[in-house]
Amino acid sequence: MLRDNCLMVIKLYQNTMETESLAIQISDLRVDYEDFTAVKELNLSVGKGEIFGLVGPNGAGKTSTFKVLATLMEPTYGEVSIGGIDILENPSQARKIFGYMQDLAPVPTDLKVWEFLDLFARAYGLDKHAAKRRVDECLEIVNLSDKRTVYCKALSRGMTQRVVLAKSLLHMPQVLLLDEPASGMDTLSRVSLRNTLKALSSKGVTVLISSHILTELSSICTQVGIINEGQILDFGKPSDVVGRLGKSDSSRVIKVLLLKESLPLIEYLNDQALVANVETSEASIQFQFLGSLVQQVELLKSLMLKDFPIHSFEEVEVNIENVVLNLSKPVVSNGGQNSK
């Protein structure tokens, strides 16, 4: 029922948006690999200037969607346009207006940073002087001007990712497709990436980004979409999506703080029909409770009466990361045991 309602919201959103205001439009996209379906009738619209985060567990269909958008593979069927251009009919024209950064993109180790970028700038048709100017501009955008003459092999993983981002910006794309751009980045590189994307968005560039660093995604994205098993479950403002998928009277995350470790408490919780996904640490236990508020109170009462070493309870605020993690966990049966 929730997914049907979300799909209705998606269709309504697509119908009410003017085509001219859309940077990316995907309709009924399907991607099959022989007998496996990676993307199932996916529908998505991204407005111009948005930073849209596509989030979901591994195998959800994110990379397959990005490969289609980047014209690296043809879908089984569906319609896809970028900047109003049908990428299946006019892939060459579409490539002029989008930049694509794949996960862990290779970089030649025997070239200096400026040489690597100059190679692509010249491929885009820039002359010698224009190429040098644009290379310098892009290095400044990603905060790597001081690494211009360094060999690529001497760069850290995070710096390499930022150089690849600079390469993706050389032709001044209207749309950026970033598949796991923060992979391998250290904290400083992630901060730099976040600031870069915000600055580009403020200038009208549309960003579609996939990442497992979910808490950071929710802090920079104007919109997020939750994808699982090749289908969009919901999308919208991060807070709204969390509100629809992550908060429910019948599903909450409870954290129990302990005076000491307690194996009997863990065993007791695992035996409860309304308790799922029990996780433990040295001084706490966290679990999902699937019952009503009244039933939650009764459970907490029973824990106290059994004299477990508990000193407090708290309800954990659900965020985008919690939502995605729960998608990748097994469903719990009425008997309280995890099913396959």
Protein backbone atom coordinates (compact mmCIF):
# COMPACT_ATOMS: atom_id res chain seq x y z
CA MET A 1 0.00 0.00 0.00
CA LEU A 2 2.83 2.43 0.93
CA ARG A 3 4.67 1.76 -2.32
CA ASP A 4 1.46 2.22 -4.37
CA ASN A 5 0.84 5.56 -2.67
CA CYS A 6 4.44 6.62 -3.32
CA LEU A 7 4.16 5.69 -7.01
CA MET A 8 0.98 7.78 -7.22
CA VAL A 9 2.88 10.74 -5.72
CA ILE A 10 5.71 10.24 -8.24
CA LYS A 11 3.34 10.15 -11.22
CA LEU A 12 1.47 13.23 -9.95
CA TYR A 13 4.76 15.08 -9.45
CA GLN A 14 5.91 14.22 -12.96
CA ASN A 15 2.64 15.32 -14.52
CA THR A 16 2.61 18.67 -12.73
CA MET A 17 6.21 19.64 -13.56
CA GLU A 18 6.73 21.59 -16.77
CA THR A 19 8.95 19.67 -19.21
CA GLU A 20 11.11 22.78 -19.65
CA SER A 21 11.95 22.73 -15.92
CA LEU A 22 13.23 19.14 -16.01
CA ALA A 23 16.88 18.24 -16.38
CA ILE A 24 16.35 14.47 -16.23
CA GLN A 25 13.21 12.51 -17.05
CA ILE A 26 12.99 8.71 -16.85
CA SER A 27 9.83 6.83 -17.77
CA ASP A 28 9.21 3.09 -17.35
CA LEU A 29 12.91 2.22 -17.43
CA ARG A 30 13.75 -1.47 -17.34
CA VAL A 31 17.20 -3.11 -17.43
CA ASP A 32 17.55 -6.90 -17.72
CA TYR A 33 20.70 -9.00 -17.52
CA GLU A 34 19.56 -12.26 -19.10
CA ASP A 35 17.11 -13.65 -16.50
CA PHE A 36 17.85 -11.00 -13.83
CA THR A 37 16.01 -7.67 -13.77
CA ALA A 38 18.15 -4.90 -12.26
CA VAL A 39 15.76 -2.00 -12.90
CA LYS A 40 11.98 -2.43 -13.00
CA GLU A 41 9.75 0.20 -14.65
CA LEU A 42 11.60 3.04 -12.94
CA ASN A 43 10.06 6.52 -13.17
CA LEU A 44 11.95 9.60 -12.04
CA SER A 45 12.01 13.35 -12.73
CA VAL A 46 14.75 15.71 -11.60
CA GLY A 47 14.34 19.48 -11.88
CA LYS A 48 17.00 21.85 -13.13
CA GLY A 49 19.46 22.95 -10.46
CA GLU A 50 18.53 20.14 -8.07
CA ILE A 51 21.01 18.00 -6.16
CA PHE A 52 19.20 14.68 -6.29
CA GLY A 53 20.52 11.76 -4.24
CA LEU A 54 19.69 8.24 -5.37
CA VAL A 55 20.16 5.99 -2.34
CA GLY A 56 19.65 2.31 -1.69
CA PRO A 57 21.44 -0.86 -0.63
CA ASN A 58 23.97 -2.67 -2.84
CA GLY A 59 22.26 -4.31 -5.81
CA ALA A 60 19.33 -1.90 -5.72
CA GLY A 61 19.79 -0.84 -9.36
CA LYS A 62 21.65 2.46 -8.91
CA THR A 63 24.68 1.74 -11.11
CA SER A 64 22.57 0.20 -13.89
CA THR A 65 20.43 3.34 -13.93
CA PHE A 66 23.53 5.54 -14.11
CA LYS A 67 25.02 3.48 -16.96
CA VAL A 68 21.86 3.98 -18.99
CA LEU A 69 21.85 7.72 -18.27
CA ALA A 70 25.52 7.94 -19.27
CA THR A 71 24.73 6.17 -22.59
CA LEU A 72 27.06 3.30 -21.68
CA MET A 73 24.33 0.70 -22.10
CA GLU A 74 20.92 0.45 -23.69
CA PRO A 75 17.95 -0.44 -21.49
CA THR A 76 15.58 -3.29 -22.19
CA TYR A 77 12.97 -0.58 -22.72
CA GLY A 78 11.91 2.81 -21.40
CA GLU A 79 12.31 6.49 -22.22
CA VAL A 80 15.13 8.69 -20.91
CA SER A 81 15.86 12.34 -21.62
CA ILE A 82 18.53 14.72 -20.33
CA GLY A 83 18.03 18.42 -20.91
CA GLY A 84 15.13 17.58 -23.20
CA ILE A 85 17.30 15.34 -25.41
CA ASP A 86 16.25 11.72 -25.92
CA ILE A 87 19.49 9.95 -25.02
CA LEU A 88 18.49 6.73 -26.79
CA GLU A 89 17.88 8.50 -30.11
CA ASN A 90 20.59 11.16 -29.82
CA PRO A 91 23.34 9.85 -27.48
CA SER A 92 26.09 12.01 -29.06
CA GLN A 93 24.09 15.18 -28.58
CA ALA A 94 23.26 14.22 -24.98
CA ARG A 95 26.95 13.63 -24.13
CA LYS A 96 27.66 17.28 -24.87
CA ILE A 97 25.50 18.45 -21.98
CA PHE A 98 26.21 15.93 -19.22
CA GLY A 99 29.30 14.94 -17.28
CA TYR A 100 29.69 11.43 -15.90
CA MET A 101 31.86 10.25 -13.05
CA GLN A 102 31.85 6.53 -12.41
CA ASP A 103 32.74 4.76 -9.19
CA LEU A 104 36.55 4.43 -8.83
CA ALA A 105 37.28 5.73 -12.32
CA PRO A 106 40.78 4.80 -13.60
CA VAL A 107 43.42 7.54 -13.98
CA PRO A 108 46.72 7.08 -15.89
CA THR A 109 49.57 7.10 -13.38
CA ASP A 110 52.26 8.31 -15.81
CA LEU A 111 50.60 11.67 -16.51
CA LYS A 112 50.67 14.82 -14.47
CA VAL A 113 47.33 16.16 -13.29
CA TRP A 114 47.29 18.98 -15.84
CA GLU A 115 48.28 16.59 -18.65
CA PHE A 116 45.43 14.22 -17.81
CA LEU A 117 42.90 17.05 -17.80
CA ASP A 118 44.39 18.70 -20.90
CA LEU A 119 43.98 15.41 -22.79
CA PHE A 120 40.23 15.48 -22.22
CA ALA A 121 39.90 19.22 -22.73
CA ARG A 122 41.49 18.90 -26.19
CA ALA A 123 39.19 15.92 -26.91
CA TYR A 124 36.26 18.27 -26.24
CA GLY A 125 37.62 20.55 -28.99
CA LEU A 126 39.27 23.28 -26.91
CA ASP A 127 42.41 24.83 -28.39
CA LYS A 128 45.68 25.00 -26.46
CA HIS A 129 44.99 28.28 -24.68
CA ALA A 130 41.32 27.60 -23.96
CA ALA A 131 42.21 24.13 -22.66
CA LYS A 132 44.81 25.52 -20.23
CA ARG A 133 42.35 28.12 -18.96
CA ARG A 134 39.59 25.57 -18.46
CA VAL A 135 41.91 23.04 -16.77
CA ASP A 136 42.96 25.71 -14.28
CA GLU A 137 39.33 26.70 -13.67
CA CYS A 138 38.27 23.12 -12.96
CA LEU A 139 41.21 22.48 -10.64
CA GLU A 140 40.21 25.58 -8.70
CA ILE A 141 36.60 24.36 -8.51
CA VAL A 142 37.70 21.09 -6.86
CA ASN A 143 40.31 22.86 -4.71
CA LEU A 144 43.33 21.15 -6.27
CA SER A 145 45.17 24.01 -7.98
CA ASP A 146 48.29 23.22 -5.95
CA LYS A 147 48.40 19.69 -7.42
CA ARG A 148 48.53 20.81 -11.05
CA THR A 149 52.03 19.52 -11.77
CA VAL A 150 51.89 16.45 -9.54
CA TYR A 151 51.88 13.00 -11.18
CA CYS A 152 48.52 11.26 -10.84
CA LYS A 153 50.20 8.26 -9.22
CA ALA A 154 51.20 10.46 -6.26
CA LEU A 155 47.61 11.48 -5.46
CA SER A 156 45.61 10.06 -2.59
CA ARG A 157 42.39 8.20 -3.39
CA GLY A 158 40.32 11.22 -2.42
CA MET A 159 42.40 13.60 -4.52
CA THR A 160 42.14 11.22 -7.48
CA GLN A 161 38.37 11.30 -7.19
CA ARG A 162 38.43 15.09 -7.17
CA VAL A 163 40.62 15.14 -10.29
CA VAL A 164 38.11 12.87 -12.04
CA LEU A 165 35.36 15.28 -10.99
CA ALA A 166 37.38 18.13 -12.52
CA LYS A 167 37.62 16.11 -15.74
CA SER A 168 33.83 15.71 -15.74
CA LEU A 169 33.43 19.50 -15.53
CA LEU A 170 35.73 20.47 -18.41
CA HIS A 171 32.97 20.93 -21.00
CA MET A 172 30.70 22.88 -18.63
CA PRO A 173 27.93 20.27 -18.44
CA GLN A 174 24.38 21.19 -17.55
CA VAL A 175 23.92 17.86 -15.75
CA LEU A 176 26.36 15.89 -13.58
CA LEU A 177 25.94 12.13 -13.12
CA LEU A 178 28.05 11.05 -10.14
CA ASP A 179 28.05 7.35 -9.27
CA GLU A 180 29.60 6.91 -5.80
CA PRO A 181 31.85 10.00 -6.14
CA ALA A 182 32.87 9.98 -2.45
CA SER A 183 34.19 6.41 -2.60
CA GLY A 184 37.59 6.34 -0.91
CA MET A 185 37.53 10.02 0.03
CA ASP A 186 38.86 11.19 3.35
CA THR A 187 36.95 13.73 5.46
CA LEU A 188 38.57 16.80 3.88
CA SER A 189 37.87 15.52 0.36
CA ARG A 190 34.22 14.83 1.23
CA VAL A 191 33.84 18.35 2.60
CA SER A 192 35.41 19.74 -0.57
CA LEU A 193 33.07 17.62 -2.71
CA ARG A 194 30.04 18.80 -0.75
CA ASN A 195 31.01 22.45 -1.15
CA THR A 196 31.74 21.97 -4.86
CA LEU A 197 28.34 20.43 -5.55
CA LYS A 198 26.52 23.17 -3.66
CA ALA A 199 28.37 25.83 -5.64
CA LEU A 200 27.59 24.13 -8.97
CA SER A 201 23.92 23.76 -8.04
CA SER A 202 23.71 27.47 -7.18
CA LYS A 203 24.81 28.18 -10.77
CA GLY A 204 22.03 26.01 -12.23
CA VAL A 205 23.90 22.73 -12.73
CA THR A 206 21.78 19.67 -11.99
CA VAL A 207 23.45 16.90 -9.98
CA LEU A 208 22.30 13.29 -9.77
CA ILE A 209 24.42 11.55 -7.17
CA SER A 210 24.59 8.03 -5.80
CA SER A 211 26.42 7.36 -2.56
CA HIS A 212 26.65 5.07 0.45
CA ILE A 213 27.65 8.00 2.66
CA LEU A 214 23.99 8.53 3.31
CA THR A 215 24.11 11.01 6.16
CA GLU A 216 26.19 13.37 4.03
CA LEU A 217 23.85 12.92 1.09
CA SER A 218 20.86 14.03 3.11
CA SER A 219 22.75 17.17 4.20
CA ILE A 220 23.44 18.41 0.65
CA CYS A 221 20.57 17.03 -1.43
CA THR A 222 17.50 19.07 -2.23
CA GLN A 223 15.74 15.82 -3.17
CA VAL A 224 16.41 12.14 -2.51
CA GLY A 225 15.01 8.97 -4.02
CA ILE A 226 14.99 5.62 -2.26
CA ILE A 227 15.58 2.72 -4.67
CA ASN A 228 15.36 -0.97 -3.82
CA GLU A 229 15.20 -4.02 -6.08
CA GLY A 230 15.20 -1.78 -9.14
CA GLN A 231 12.22 0.34 -8.13
CA ILE A 232 11.78 3.80 -6.63
CA LEU A 233 9.99 3.41 -3.30
CA ASP A 234 9.68 7.12 -2.62
CA PHE A 235 11.30 10.45 -3.38
CA GLY A 236 11.11 14.06 -2.29
CA LYS A 237 12.77 16.28 0.30
CA PRO A 238 14.99 14.19 2.62
CA SER A 239 12.92 15.01 5.70
CA ASP A 240 9.66 14.14 3.91
CA VAL A 241 11.00 10.81 2.64
CA VAL A 242 12.19 9.86 6.11
CA GLY A 243 8.81 10.85 7.47
CA ARG A 244 7.00 8.55 5.05
CA LEU A 245 9.35 5.56 5.06
CA GLY A 246 11.18 5.80 8.35
CA LYS A 247 8.65 6.84 10.96
CA SER A 248 5.61 4.79 11.73
CA ASP A 249 3.43 4.03 14.73
CA SER A 250 4.12 0.36 14.03
CA SER A 251 7.89 0.52 13.43
CA ARG A 252 10.34 2.33 15.70
CA VAL A 253 14.00 1.94 16.64
CA ILE A 254 14.66 1.56 20.37
CA LYS A 255 18.05 1.84 22.05
CA VAL A 256 18.58 0.25 25.47
CA LEU A 257 21.56 1.53 27.45
CA LEU A 258 23.15 -1.04 29.75
CA LEU A 259 25.21 -1.07 32.95
CA LYS A 260 27.01 -4.12 31.57
CA GLU A 261 26.70 -6.65 28.77
CA SER A 262 23.76 -9.04 29.10
CA LEU A 263 23.46 -12.13 26.94
CA PRO A 264 20.11 -13.13 28.58
CA LEU A 265 18.64 -9.76 27.53
CA ILE A 266 19.75 -10.30 23.92
CA GLU A 267 18.24 -13.79 23.91
CA TYR A 268 15.00 -12.47 25.43
CA LEU A 269 14.66 -9.76 22.77
CA ASN A 270 15.36 -12.21 19.95
CA ASP A 271 12.49 -14.35 21.20
CA GLN A 272 9.96 -11.49 21.03
CA ALA A 273 7.62 -11.59 18.02
CA LEU A 274 7.50 -7.80 17.68
CA VAL A 275 11.25 -7.25 17.89
CA ALA A 276 13.48 -7.24 14.79
CA ASN A 277 17.07 -6.51 13.83
CA VAL A 278 18.65 -6.70 17.28
CA GLU A 279 22.10 -5.10 17.25
CA THR A 280 24.51 -5.04 20.18
CA SER A 281 27.52 -3.13 21.39
CA GLU A 282 29.43 -3.19 24.65
CA ALA A 283 27.09 -0.82 26.50
CA SER A 284 23.87 -0.84 24.50
CA ILE A 285 21.35 -2.84 22.48
CA GLN A 286 19.38 -1.41 19.59
CA PHE A 287 16.35 -3.02 17.94
CA GLN A 288 13.37 -2.31 15.74
CA PHE A 289 9.97 -2.59 17.41
CA LEU A 290 7.09 -3.53 15.13
CA GLY A 291 4.16 -3.14 17.51
CA SER A 292 2.01 -0.29 18.78
CA LEU A 293 3.02 2.27 21.37
CA VAL A 294 1.01 0.43 24.01
CA GLN A 295 2.80 -2.82 23.18
CA GLN A 296 6.13 -0.99 23.32
CA VAL A 297 5.36 0.17 26.86
CA GLU A 298 4.49 -3.38 27.86
CA LEU A 299 7.77 -4.69 26.47
CA LEU A 300 9.80 -2.11 28.37
CA LYS A 301 7.91 -2.94 31.56
CA SER A 302 8.73 -6.62 31.12
CA LEU A 303 12.42 -5.83 30.65
CA MET A 304 12.53 -3.91 33.90
CA LEU A 305 10.62 -6.58 35.84
CA LYS A 306 13.11 -9.24 34.73
CA ASP A 307 15.90 -7.27 36.42
CA PHE A 308 18.11 -6.92 33.36
CA PRO A 309 21.04 -4.45 33.87
CA ILE A 310 19.27 -1.53 32.15
CA HIS A 311 19.71 2.08 33.13
CA SER A 312 17.74 3.85 30.37
CA PHE A 313 15.79 3.61 27.09
CA GLU A 314 15.61 5.99 24.17
CA GLU A 315 13.82 6.07 20.83
CA VAL A 316 16.34 6.59 18.03
CA GLU A 317 15.61 9.32 15.51
CA VAL A 318 15.29 7.69 12.10
CA ASN A 319 17.26 9.17 9.19
CA ILE A 320 17.95 8.28 5.57
CA GLU A 321 20.68 5.85 6.61
CA ASN A 322 18.32 3.92 8.91
CA VAL A 323 15.75 3.66 6.12
CA VAL A 324 18.25 2.23 3.61
CA LEU A 325 19.83 -0.14 6.13
CA ASN A 326 16.40 -1.55 6.97
CA LEU A 327 15.73 -2.17 3.26
CA SER A 328 18.75 -4.47 3.08
CA LYS A 329 17.85 -6.47 6.19
CA PRO A 330 15.78 -9.67 6.14
CA VAL A 331 12.09 -9.54 6.92
CA VAL A 332 11.03 -10.80 10.33
CA SER A 333 8.26 -13.35 10.59
CA ASN A 334 5.57 -13.44 13.28
CA GLY A 335 7.62 -16.00 15.12
CA GLY A 336 10.37 -13.48 15.74
CA GLN A 337 12.91 -15.36 13.60
CA ASN A 338 14.62 -13.81 10.58
CA SER A 339 13.34 -15.27 7.32
CA LYS A 340 15.41 -15.56 4.14
